[in-house]
C-alpha atoms as a PDB file:
ATOM      1  CA  MET A   1      42.646  -8.051 -25.647  1.00  0.00           C
ATOM      2  CA  PRO A   2      39.201  -7.059 -26.960  1.00  0.00           C
ATOM      3  CA  LYS A   3      37.522  -3.852 -25.861  1.00  0.00           C
ATOM      4  CA  LEU A   4      34.717  -3.951 -23.289  1.00  0.00           C
ATOM      5  CA  LYS A   5      31.215  -3.426 -24.587  1.00  0.00           C
ATOM      6  CA  THR A   6      29.090  -0.806 -22.852  1.00  0.00           C
ATOM      7  CA  ASN A   7      26.120  -2.240 -20.970  1.00  0.00           C
ATOM      8  CA  ARG A   8      23.304  -0.304 -22.681  1.00  0.00           C
ATOM      9  CA  GLY A   9      20.942  -0.634 -19.722  1.00  0.00           C
ATOM     10  CA  ALA A  10      23.541   0.912 -17.429  1.00  0.00           C
ATOM     11  CA  ALA A  11      24.347   3.659 -19.945  1.00  0.00           C
ATOM     12  CA  LYS A  12      20.721   4.814 -19.815  1.00  0.00           C
ATOM     13  CA  ARG A  13      20.646   4.865 -16.003  1.00  0.00           C
ATOM     14  CA  PHE A  14      24.031   6.294 -14.981  1.00  0.00           C
ATOM     15  CA  LYS A  15      26.150   9.298 -15.931  1.00  0.00           C
ATOM     16  CA  LEU A  16      29.659  10.256 -14.853  1.00  0.00           C
ATOM     17  CA  THR A  17      30.392  13.560 -13.117  1.00  0.00           C
ATOM     18  CA  GLY A  18      33.424  15.670 -13.917  1.00  0.00           C
ATOM     19  CA  THR A  19      35.326  14.248 -10.948  1.00  0.00           C
ATOM     20  CA  GLY A  20      34.583  10.646 -11.982  1.00  0.00           C
ATOM     21  CA  LYS A  21      31.767   9.864  -9.559  1.00  0.00           C
ATOM     22  CA  VAL A  22      28.680   8.035 -10.834  1.00  0.00           C
ATOM     23  CA  LYS A  23      25.349   9.858 -10.830  1.00  0.00           C
ATOM     24  CA  ARG A  24      22.023   8.019 -10.559  1.00  0.00           C
ATOM     25  CA  LYS A  25      18.316   8.771 -10.303  1.00  0.00           C
ATOM     26  CA  LYS A  26      16.577   8.166  -6.985  1.00  0.00           C
ATOM     27  CA  SER A  27      13.907   5.496  -6.820  1.00  0.00           C
ATOM     28  CA  GLY A  28      10.402   5.698  -5.419  1.00  0.00           C
ATOM     29  CA  LEU A  29       8.783   8.239  -7.743  1.00  0.00           C
ATOM     30  CA  ARG A  30       6.782   5.944 -10.043  1.00  0.00           C
ATOM     31  CA  HIS A  31       3.598   5.031  -8.167  1.00  0.00           C
ATOM     32  CA  ILE A  32       1.862   5.213  -4.759  1.00  0.00           C
ATOM     33  CA  LEU A  33       2.684   8.929  -4.682  1.00  0.00           C
ATOM     34  CA  THR A  34      -0.405  10.036  -2.752  1.00  0.00           C
ATOM     35  CA  SER A  35       0.955   8.604   0.508  1.00  0.00           C
ATOM     36  CA  LYS A  36       4.282  10.467   0.133  1.00  0.00           C
ATOM     37  CA  SER A  37       4.728  14.055   1.279  1.00  0.00           C
ATOM     38  CA  ASN A  38       5.534  16.852  -1.170  1.00  0.00           C
ATOM     39  CA  ALA A  39       8.907  17.364   0.501  1.00  0.00           C
ATOM     40  CA  GLN A  40       9.744  13.674   0.072  1.00  0.00           C
ATOM     41  CA  LYS A  41       8.744  13.713  -3.612  1.00  0.00           C
ATOM     42  CA  ARG A  42      10.723  16.914  -4.186  1.00  0.00           C
ATOM     43  CA  GLY A  43      13.822  15.255  -2.708  1.00  0.00           C
ATOM     44  CA  LEU A  44      13.380  12.212  -4.915  1.00  0.00           C
ATOM     45  CA  ARG A  45      13.507  14.389  -8.033  1.00  0.00           C
ATOM     46  CA  LYS A  46      17.139  15.254  -7.372  1.00  0.00           C
ATOM     47  CA  SER A  47      19.930  12.969  -8.489  1.00  0.00           C
ATOM     48  CA  GLY A  48      22.011  10.875  -6.124  1.00  0.00           C
ATOM     49  CA  LEU A  49      25.438   9.285  -6.251  1.00  0.00           C
ATOM     50  CA  VAL A  50      26.285   5.590  -6.482  1.00  0.00           C
ATOM     51  CA  SER A  51      28.121   4.351  -3.382  1.00  0.00           C
ATOM     52  CA  ASP A  52      31.873   3.908  -3.613  1.00  0.00           C
ATOM     53  CA  SER A  53      31.606   0.135  -3.234  1.00  0.00           C
ATOM     54  CA  ASP A  54      29.273  -0.124  -6.264  1.00  0.00           C
ATOM     55  CA  SER A  55      30.812   2.576  -8.439  1.00  0.00           C
ATOM     56  CA  ARG A  56      33.682   0.353  -9.621  1.00  0.00           C
ATOM     57  CA  ALA A  57      31.218  -2.202 -11.014  1.00  0.00           C
ATOM     58  CA  VAL A  58      29.075   0.494 -12.635  1.00  0.00           C
ATOM     59  CA  LYS A  59      32.108   2.115 -14.265  1.00  0.00           C
ATOM     60  CA  ARG A  60      33.039  -1.285 -15.672  1.00  0.00           C
ATOM     61  CA  MET A  61      29.533  -1.621 -17.137  1.00  0.00           C
ATOM     62  CA  LEU A  62      29.944   1.816 -18.689  1.00  0.00           C
ATOM     63  CA  ALA A  63      33.269   0.562 -20.157  1.00  0.00           C
ATOM     64  CA  CYS A  64      35.242   3.525 -18.844  1.00  0.00           C
ATOM     65  CA  GLY A  65      37.688   1.885 -16.509  1.00  0.00           C
END
């Protein structure tokens, strides 16, 4: 059985935490920022987690399980 190749686009967007969860960047911080509050933009800077239902597919793209 051949090894899985890592999806390079996914590798640039997702990282694994120590417990095996998948970390992601929050969206909505690229443009139209004047209409968003400072508190909203500050919250978008922090990282989020991929939902459990999607994390299996993302881990497969990262070729780690």
